[in-house]
């Protein structure tokens, strides 16, 4: 079985070496070692020295030099919108206080769909819409965040 020993950040992927893609949900994109299969059936072992978050567009470099692109799978999410930036910041604080993974944009927040949290946010004056989209939450204080060079989908 081929092994993927390194991750190439999206802007550095050589498109001439790309042989396939693999679609993974957020929980499946934080790994060190796992057997995977690309969309056309290439079986390989992700075998990294340390756990790493795989971002949409990153490349998994296989031993033979070829690259498989990571795509963020669509997930069941809640899109949170508020009337003012200050209200949106307060809601981000409430979600962070609950240690919920959250994707932060200028005008909205995305988090995994949870009817209890959606009800709480609506009671706090937010517009909550259930959507299906890729999920790329912030990495946290000890991981690279999207604000440090990553872009949201």
N, C-alpha and C. Protein backbone atom coordinates (compact mmCIF):
# COMPACT_ATOMS: atom_id res chain seq x y z
N UNK A 1 0.85 -1.18 0.00
CA UNK A 1 0.00 0.00 0.00
C UNK A 1 0.89 1.24 0.00
N UNK A 2 0.57 2.18 -0.85
CA UNK A 2 1.29 3.46 -0.87
C UNK A 2 1.11 4.19 0.46
N UNK A 3 2.08 5.01 0.80
CA UNK A 3 1.97 5.83 2.01
C UNK A 3 2.06 7.30 1.63
N UNK A 4 1.28 8.11 2.34
CA UNK A 4 1.38 9.57 2.25
C UNK A 4 2.14 10.01 3.48
N UNK A 5 3.33 10.56 3.28
CA UNK A 5 4.22 10.89 4.39
C UNK A 5 4.27 12.38 4.71
N UNK A 6 3.69 13.21 3.80
CA UNK A 6 3.74 14.64 4.05
C UNK A 6 2.51 15.33 3.47
N UNK A 7 2.26 16.52 4.01
CA UNK A 7 1.15 17.36 3.57
C UNK A 7 1.75 18.61 2.94
N UNK A 8 1.25 18.96 1.76
CA UNK A 8 1.70 20.16 1.07
C UNK A 8 0.56 21.18 1.16
N UNK A 9 0.83 22.35 1.73
CA UNK A 9 -0.19 23.39 1.85
C UNK A 9 -0.68 23.80 0.46
N UNK A 10 -1.95 24.11 0.36
CA UNK A 10 -2.62 24.39 -0.91
C UNK A 10 -1.82 25.25 -1.89
N UNK A 11 -1.26 26.38 -1.46
CA UNK A 11 -0.61 27.22 -2.46
C UNK A 11 0.66 26.61 -3.06
N UNK A 12 1.18 25.55 -2.46
CA UNK A 12 2.44 24.97 -2.91
C UNK A 12 2.26 23.65 -3.66
N UNK A 13 1.01 23.25 -3.90
CA UNK A 13 0.74 21.99 -4.61
C UNK A 13 1.07 22.17 -6.09
N UNK A 14 1.84 21.25 -6.64
CA UNK A 14 2.16 21.25 -8.07
C UNK A 14 1.04 20.51 -8.79
N UNK A 15 0.20 21.22 -9.57
CA UNK A 15 -0.96 20.58 -10.22
C UNK A 15 -0.56 19.46 -11.18
N UNK A 16 0.67 19.46 -11.68
CA UNK A 16 1.12 18.41 -12.60
C UNK A 16 1.29 17.07 -11.90
N UNK A 17 1.40 17.09 -10.57
CA UNK A 17 1.60 15.85 -9.81
C UNK A 17 0.31 15.30 -9.20
N UNK A 18 -0.79 16.04 -9.36
CA UNK A 18 -2.06 15.63 -8.76
C UNK A 18 -2.65 14.47 -9.56
N UNK A 19 -2.97 13.38 -8.84
CA UNK A 19 -3.53 12.19 -9.49
C UNK A 19 -4.97 11.93 -9.09
N UNK A 20 -5.43 12.53 -7.99
CA UNK A 20 -6.80 12.26 -7.54
C UNK A 20 -7.16 13.21 -6.40
N UNK A 21 -8.37 13.04 -5.89
CA UNK A 21 -8.86 13.80 -4.74
C UNK A 21 -9.45 12.83 -3.72
N UNK A 22 -9.53 13.31 -2.48
CA UNK A 22 -10.22 12.58 -1.43
C UNK A 22 -11.08 13.58 -0.68
N UNK A 23 -12.32 13.24 -0.44
CA UNK A 23 -13.25 14.12 0.27
C UNK A 23 -13.40 13.61 1.69
N UNK A 24 -13.14 14.51 2.65
CA UNK A 24 -13.17 14.14 4.07
C UNK A 24 -13.94 15.17 4.88
N UNK A 25 -14.75 14.70 5.83
CA UNK A 25 -15.42 15.58 6.78
C UNK A 25 -14.39 16.16 7.75
N UNK A 26 -14.74 17.19 8.48
CA UNK A 26 -13.80 17.86 9.38
C UNK A 26 -13.15 16.88 10.35
N UNK A 27 -13.93 16.03 11.01
CA UNK A 27 -13.36 15.09 11.98
C UNK A 27 -12.36 14.13 11.34
N UNK A 28 -12.54 13.85 10.07
CA UNK A 28 -11.63 12.95 9.36
C UNK A 28 -10.42 13.68 8.80
N UNK A 29 -10.37 15.01 8.96
CA UNK A 29 -9.24 15.79 8.46
C UNK A 29 -8.26 16.17 9.57
N UNK A 30 -8.39 15.56 10.73
CA UNK A 30 -7.42 15.78 11.81
C UNK A 30 -6.86 14.41 12.17
N UNK A 31 -5.79 14.05 11.49
CA UNK A 31 -5.26 12.69 11.59
C UNK A 31 -3.75 12.67 11.61
N UNK A 32 -3.24 11.52 12.04
CA UNK A 32 -1.82 11.21 11.90
C UNK A 32 -1.65 9.97 11.05
N UNK A 33 -2.46 8.95 11.35
CA UNK A 33 -2.29 7.68 10.65
C UNK A 33 -3.65 7.03 10.44
N UNK A 34 -3.97 6.77 9.17
CA UNK A 34 -5.24 6.12 8.85
C UNK A 34 -5.18 5.62 7.40
N UNK A 35 -5.80 4.48 7.15
CA UNK A 35 -5.91 3.97 5.79
C UNK A 35 -7.03 4.71 5.09
N UNK A 36 -6.78 5.17 3.87
CA UNK A 36 -7.75 5.97 3.11
C UNK A 36 -7.85 5.44 1.68
N UNK A 37 -8.92 5.88 1.01
CA UNK A 37 -9.10 5.56 -0.40
C UNK A 37 -9.59 6.79 -1.12
N UNK A 38 -8.92 7.16 -2.21
CA UNK A 38 -9.28 8.35 -2.99
C UNK A 38 -10.56 8.10 -3.77
N UNK A 39 -11.04 9.14 -4.43
CA UNK A 39 -12.32 9.04 -5.14
C UNK A 39 -12.31 8.02 -6.28
N UNK A 40 -11.15 7.77 -6.88
CA UNK A 40 -11.10 6.77 -7.96
C UNK A 40 -10.55 5.44 -7.50
N UNK A 41 -10.34 5.29 -6.18
CA UNK A 41 -9.96 3.99 -5.65
C UNK A 41 -8.51 3.78 -5.29
N UNK A 42 -7.70 4.83 -5.30
CA UNK A 42 -6.31 4.67 -4.89
C UNK A 42 -6.29 4.47 -3.37
N UNK A 43 -5.79 3.33 -2.94
CA UNK A 43 -5.69 3.03 -1.51
C UNK A 43 -4.31 3.47 -1.02
N UNK A 44 -4.30 4.17 0.13
CA UNK A 44 -3.03 4.62 0.67
C UNK A 44 -3.14 4.78 2.17
N UNK A 45 -1.99 4.80 2.82
CA UNK A 45 -1.93 4.99 4.26
C UNK A 45 -1.41 6.39 4.54
N UNK A 46 -2.22 7.20 5.20
CA UNK A 46 -1.74 8.49 5.69
C UNK A 46 -0.86 8.17 6.88
N UNK A 47 0.40 8.53 6.82
CA UNK A 47 1.37 8.13 7.84
C UNK A 47 2.27 9.33 8.17
N UNK A 48 1.72 10.26 8.94
CA UNK A 48 2.43 11.49 9.29
C UNK A 48 3.16 11.33 10.62
N UNK A 49 4.20 12.11 10.82
CA UNK A 49 4.97 12.06 12.07
C UNK A 49 4.14 12.53 13.26
N UNK A 50 3.25 13.51 13.03
CA UNK A 50 2.40 14.06 14.08
C UNK A 50 1.01 14.30 13.52
N UNK A 51 -0.03 14.31 14.38
CA UNK A 51 -1.37 14.65 13.88
C UNK A 51 -1.38 16.03 13.26
N UNK A 52 -2.17 16.19 12.23
CA UNK A 52 -2.22 17.47 11.52
C UNK A 52 -3.63 17.68 10.99
N UNK A 53 -4.07 18.93 10.97
CA UNK A 53 -5.34 19.24 10.35
C UNK A 53 -5.12 19.39 8.86
N UNK A 54 -5.89 18.66 8.10
CA UNK A 54 -5.84 18.73 6.64
C UNK A 54 -6.88 19.73 6.18
N UNK A 55 -6.45 20.75 5.47
CA UNK A 55 -7.35 21.79 4.99
C UNK A 55 -7.77 21.51 3.56
N UNK A 56 -8.93 22.03 3.20
CA UNK A 56 -9.42 21.92 1.83
C UNK A 56 -8.37 22.48 0.88
N UNK A 57 -7.97 21.68 -0.09
CA UNK A 57 -6.98 22.11 -1.07
C UNK A 57 -5.57 21.64 -0.78
N UNK A 58 -5.31 21.17 0.44
CA UNK A 58 -3.99 20.64 0.76
C UNK A 58 -3.73 19.39 -0.08
N UNK A 59 -2.47 19.08 -0.27
CA UNK A 59 -2.08 17.88 -1.00
C UNK A 59 -1.42 16.87 -0.09
N UNK A 60 -1.79 15.60 -0.28
CA UNK A 60 -1.13 14.51 0.43
C UNK A 60 -0.11 13.92 -0.54
N UNK A 61 1.16 14.06 -0.23
CA UNK A 61 2.19 13.57 -1.14
C UNK A 61 2.48 12.11 -0.85
N UNK A 62 2.28 11.28 -1.87
CA UNK A 62 2.54 9.86 -1.76
C UNK A 62 4.02 9.58 -1.98
N UNK A 63 4.45 8.40 -1.57
CA UNK A 63 5.85 7.99 -1.69
C UNK A 63 6.38 8.10 -3.11
N UNK A 64 5.51 7.87 -4.09
CA UNK A 64 5.96 7.90 -5.49
C UNK A 64 6.02 9.32 -6.06
N UNK A 65 5.74 10.34 -5.22
CA UNK A 65 5.79 11.73 -5.65
C UNK A 65 4.46 12.29 -6.13
N UNK A 66 3.48 11.42 -6.35
CA UNK A 66 2.16 11.91 -6.78
C UNK A 66 1.42 12.52 -5.59
N UNK A 67 0.39 13.29 -5.90
CA UNK A 67 -0.33 14.04 -4.87
C UNK A 67 -1.83 13.77 -4.98
N UNK A 68 -2.46 13.59 -3.84
CA UNK A 68 -3.92 13.48 -3.74
C UNK A 68 -4.40 14.72 -3.01
N UNK A 69 -5.33 15.44 -3.63
CA UNK A 69 -5.87 16.67 -3.06
C UNK A 69 -6.97 16.36 -2.05
N UNK A 70 -6.92 17.06 -0.91
CA UNK A 70 -7.96 16.94 0.12
C UNK A 70 -9.07 17.93 -0.19
N UNK A 71 -10.29 17.47 -0.17
CA UNK A 71 -11.47 18.33 -0.29
C UNK A 71 -12.32 18.17 0.97
N UNK A 72 -12.80 19.28 1.48
CA UNK A 72 -13.67 19.26 2.66
C UNK A 72 -15.06 18.81 2.24
N UNK A 73 -15.54 17.75 2.84
CA UNK A 73 -16.88 17.23 2.54
C UNK A 73 -17.95 18.17 3.08
N UNK A 74 -19.09 18.19 2.42
CA UNK A 74 -20.21 18.98 2.92
C UNK A 74 -20.78 18.31 4.16
N UNK A 75 -21.13 19.16 5.15
CA UNK A 75 -21.65 18.67 6.42
C UNK A 75 -22.91 19.43 6.80
N UNK A 76 -23.65 18.91 7.75
CA UNK A 76 -24.88 19.51 8.25
C UNK A 76 -24.49 20.60 9.25
N UNK A 77 -24.71 21.88 8.86
CA UNK A 77 -24.24 23.01 9.65
C UNK A 77 -25.35 23.99 9.99
N UNK A 78 -25.08 24.82 10.98
CA UNK A 78 -25.92 25.97 11.30
C UNK A 78 -25.17 27.22 10.88
N UNK A 79 -25.85 28.06 10.11
CA UNK A 79 -25.30 29.36 9.72
C UNK A 79 -25.93 30.41 10.62
N UNK A 80 -25.10 31.15 11.34
CA UNK A 80 -25.57 32.13 12.32
C UNK A 80 -25.30 33.53 11.78
N UNK A 81 -26.36 34.33 11.71
CA UNK A 81 -26.22 35.74 11.29
C UNK A 81 -26.85 36.61 12.36
N UNK A 82 -26.26 37.79 12.54
CA UNK A 82 -26.73 38.73 13.56
C UNK A 82 -26.88 40.11 12.94
N UNK A 83 -27.59 40.99 13.64
CA UNK A 83 -27.85 42.33 13.12
C UNK A 83 -26.66 43.26 13.10
N UNK A 84 -25.71 43.03 14.01
CA UNK A 84 -24.54 43.91 14.09
C UNK A 84 -23.28 43.08 14.30
N UNK A 85 -22.13 43.63 13.96
CA UNK A 85 -20.87 42.92 14.24
C UNK A 85 -20.68 42.63 15.73
N UNK A 86 -21.11 43.56 16.59
CA UNK A 86 -20.97 43.36 18.03
C UNK A 86 -21.80 42.17 18.50
N UNK A 87 -23.01 42.04 17.97
CA UNK A 87 -23.88 40.92 18.33
C UNK A 87 -23.24 39.61 17.87
N UNK A 88 -22.67 39.61 16.67
CA UNK A 88 -22.02 38.41 16.14
C UNK A 88 -20.83 38.03 17.03
N UNK A 89 -20.06 39.03 17.50
CA UNK A 89 -18.92 38.74 18.39
C UNK A 89 -19.41 38.13 19.70
N UNK A 90 -20.51 38.65 20.23
CA UNK A 90 -21.05 38.09 21.48
C UNK A 90 -21.46 36.63 21.28
N UNK A 91 -22.05 36.33 20.14
CA UNK A 91 -22.48 34.96 19.88
C UNK A 91 -21.27 34.05 19.71
N UNK A 92 -20.21 34.55 19.10
CA UNK A 92 -18.97 33.77 18.99
C UNK A 92 -18.42 33.47 20.38
N UNK A 93 -18.52 34.44 21.28
CA UNK A 93 -18.08 34.22 22.66
C UNK A 93 -18.91 33.11 23.31
N UNK A 94 -20.25 33.16 23.16
CA UNK A 94 -21.12 32.13 23.75
C UNK A 94 -20.75 30.74 23.22
N UNK A 95 -20.47 30.64 21.92
CA UNK A 95 -20.12 29.35 21.33
C UNK A 95 -18.75 28.89 21.82
N UNK A 96 -17.81 29.82 21.92
CA UNK A 96 -16.48 29.48 22.43
C UNK A 96 -16.53 29.05 23.89
N UNK A 97 -17.41 29.66 24.65
CA UNK A 97 -17.58 29.31 26.06
C UNK A 97 -18.09 27.88 26.21
N UNK A 98 -18.73 27.36 25.16
CA UNK A 98 -19.22 25.98 25.14
C UNK A 98 -18.24 25.05 24.42
N UNK A 99 -17.09 25.57 24.03
CA UNK A 99 -16.03 24.80 23.36
C UNK A 99 -16.53 24.13 22.09
N UNK A 100 -17.37 24.85 21.34
CA UNK A 100 -17.88 24.32 20.08
C UNK A 100 -16.99 24.76 18.92
N UNK A 101 -16.57 23.83 18.08
CA UNK A 101 -15.82 24.24 16.88
C UNK A 101 -16.67 25.22 16.06
N UNK A 102 -16.04 26.29 15.60
CA UNK A 102 -16.79 27.35 14.91
C UNK A 102 -15.94 27.92 13.79
N UNK A 103 -16.56 28.09 12.64
CA UNK A 103 -15.93 28.76 11.50
C UNK A 103 -16.38 30.20 11.51
N UNK A 104 -15.43 31.12 11.54
CA UNK A 104 -15.74 32.54 11.73
C UNK A 104 -15.52 33.31 10.43
N UNK A 105 -16.56 34.02 10.02
CA UNK A 105 -16.51 34.89 8.85
C UNK A 105 -16.85 36.31 9.30
N UNK A 106 -16.66 37.28 8.43
CA UNK A 106 -16.98 38.68 8.77
C UNK A 106 -18.45 38.87 9.11
N UNK A 107 -19.32 38.13 8.44
CA UNK A 107 -20.76 38.37 8.56
C UNK A 107 -21.57 37.20 9.09
N UNK A 108 -20.90 36.10 9.45
CA UNK A 108 -21.63 34.92 9.90
C UNK A 108 -20.70 33.96 10.62
N UNK A 109 -21.30 33.04 11.36
CA UNK A 109 -20.60 31.96 12.01
C UNK A 109 -21.17 30.65 11.49
N UNK A 110 -20.35 29.64 11.37
CA UNK A 110 -20.81 28.30 11.00
C UNK A 110 -20.40 27.33 12.09
N UNK A 111 -21.31 26.45 12.45
CA UNK A 111 -21.01 25.39 13.39
C UNK A 111 -21.83 24.17 13.03
N UNK A 112 -21.45 23.04 13.59
CA UNK A 112 -22.22 21.82 13.31
C UNK A 112 -23.65 22.01 13.79
N UNK A 113 -24.58 21.45 13.02
CA UNK A 113 -25.99 21.58 13.37
C UNK A 113 -26.25 20.90 14.71
N UNK A 114 -26.90 21.64 15.61
CA UNK A 114 -27.34 21.14 16.90
C UNK A 114 -28.61 21.89 17.24
N UNK A 115 -29.76 21.20 17.29
CA UNK A 115 -31.03 21.92 17.51
C UNK A 115 -31.10 22.66 18.83
N UNK A 116 -30.42 22.18 19.86
CA UNK A 116 -30.43 22.86 21.16
C UNK A 116 -29.66 24.18 21.05
N UNK A 117 -28.50 24.15 20.42
CA UNK A 117 -27.69 25.36 20.25
C UNK A 117 -28.41 26.33 19.31
N UNK A 118 -29.03 25.81 18.25
CA UNK A 118 -29.77 26.67 17.32
C UNK A 118 -30.89 27.40 18.05
N UNK A 119 -31.61 26.69 18.91
CA UNK A 119 -32.70 27.31 19.69
C UNK A 119 -32.15 28.39 20.62
N UNK A 120 -31.03 28.12 21.29
CA UNK A 120 -30.42 29.10 22.18
C UNK A 120 -30.06 30.36 21.40
N UNK A 121 -29.43 30.20 20.23
CA UNK A 121 -29.01 31.35 19.43
C UNK A 121 -30.20 32.15 18.92
N UNK A 122 -31.25 31.46 18.52
CA UNK A 122 -32.46 32.17 18.09
C UNK A 122 -33.05 32.98 19.24
N UNK A 123 -33.05 32.42 20.44
CA UNK A 123 -33.57 33.14 21.61
C UNK A 123 -32.68 34.34 21.97
N UNK A 124 -31.42 34.30 21.53
CA UNK A 124 -30.52 35.42 21.74
C UNK A 124 -30.56 36.41 20.57
N UNK A 125 -31.52 36.25 19.66
CA UNK A 125 -31.75 37.21 18.60
C UNK A 125 -31.03 36.96 17.28
N UNK A 126 -30.49 35.77 17.08
CA UNK A 126 -29.78 35.44 15.84
C UNK A 126 -30.73 34.82 14.82
N UNK A 127 -30.37 34.97 13.56
CA UNK A 127 -31.03 34.22 12.48
C UNK A 127 -30.20 32.96 12.28
N UNK A 128 -30.84 31.81 12.44
CA UNK A 128 -30.15 30.52 12.31
C UNK A 128 -30.75 29.77 11.13
N UNK A 129 -29.89 29.38 10.20
CA UNK A 129 -30.32 28.64 9.01
C UNK A 129 -29.55 27.34 8.95
N UNK A 130 -30.26 26.25 8.72
CA UNK A 130 -29.61 24.95 8.56
C UNK A 130 -29.13 24.84 7.12
N UNK A 131 -27.83 24.57 6.94
CA UNK A 131 -27.25 24.49 5.60
C UNK A 131 -26.37 23.24 5.49
N UNK A 132 -26.01 22.92 4.28
CA UNK A 132 -25.03 21.86 4.01
C UNK A 132 -23.87 22.52 3.29
N UNK A 133 -22.67 22.43 3.90
CA UNK A 133 -21.49 23.10 3.34
C UNK A 133 -20.24 22.47 3.96
N UNK A 134 -19.08 22.69 3.34
CA UNK A 134 -17.83 22.26 3.97
C UNK A 134 -17.64 23.00 5.30
N UNK A 135 -17.01 22.34 6.26
CA UNK A 135 -16.81 22.93 7.59
C UNK A 135 -15.32 23.06 7.85
N UNK A 136 -14.87 24.29 8.07
CA UNK A 136 -13.46 24.60 8.32
C UNK A 136 -13.34 25.49 9.55
N UNK A 137 -13.55 24.92 10.76
CA UNK A 137 -13.52 25.75 11.96
C UNK A 137 -12.12 26.25 12.28
N UNK A 138 -12.07 27.27 13.12
CA UNK A 138 -10.80 27.81 13.59
C UNK A 138 -10.03 26.70 14.30
N UNK A 139 -8.72 26.78 14.22
CA UNK A 139 -7.87 25.74 14.79
C UNK A 139 -7.66 25.82 16.28
N UNK A 140 -7.90 26.94 16.89
CA UNK A 140 -7.68 27.08 18.32
C UNK A 140 -6.32 27.68 18.61
N UNK A 141 -6.07 27.93 19.87
CA UNK A 141 -4.86 28.63 20.28
C UNK A 141 -3.58 27.85 19.99
N UNK A 142 -3.67 26.54 19.92
CA UNK A 142 -2.46 25.73 19.75
C UNK A 142 -2.35 25.12 18.36
N UNK A 143 -3.18 25.55 17.44
CA UNK A 143 -3.13 25.07 16.07
C UNK A 143 -3.15 26.27 15.15
N UNK A 144 -2.64 26.09 13.94
CA UNK A 144 -2.68 27.19 12.97
C UNK A 144 -4.13 27.50 12.65
N UNK A 145 -4.49 28.76 12.73
CA UNK A 145 -5.86 29.16 12.41
C UNK A 145 -5.94 29.59 10.95
N UNK A 146 -7.14 29.73 10.47
CA UNK A 146 -7.35 30.20 9.10
C UNK A 146 -6.85 31.63 8.94
N UNK A 147 -6.88 32.38 10.02
CA UNK A 147 -6.43 33.78 9.96
C UNK A 147 -4.93 33.87 9.73
N UNK A 148 -4.21 32.78 9.95
CA UNK A 148 -2.75 32.77 9.76
C UNK A 148 -2.36 32.26 8.38
N UNK A 149 -3.16 32.50 7.39
CA UNK A 149 -2.74 32.13 6.05
C UNK A 149 -3.67 31.18 5.35
N UNK A 150 -4.70 30.74 5.99
CA UNK A 150 -5.69 29.87 5.34
C UNK A 150 -6.90 30.70 4.97
N UNK A 151 -7.62 30.27 3.97
CA UNK A 151 -8.84 30.97 3.59
C UNK A 151 -10.02 30.02 3.76
N UNK A 152 -11.16 30.60 4.06
CA UNK A 152 -12.38 29.80 4.17
C UNK A 152 -12.95 29.53 2.80
N UNK A 153 -13.64 28.40 2.70
CA UNK A 153 -14.28 28.03 1.42
C UNK A 153 -15.48 28.90 1.14
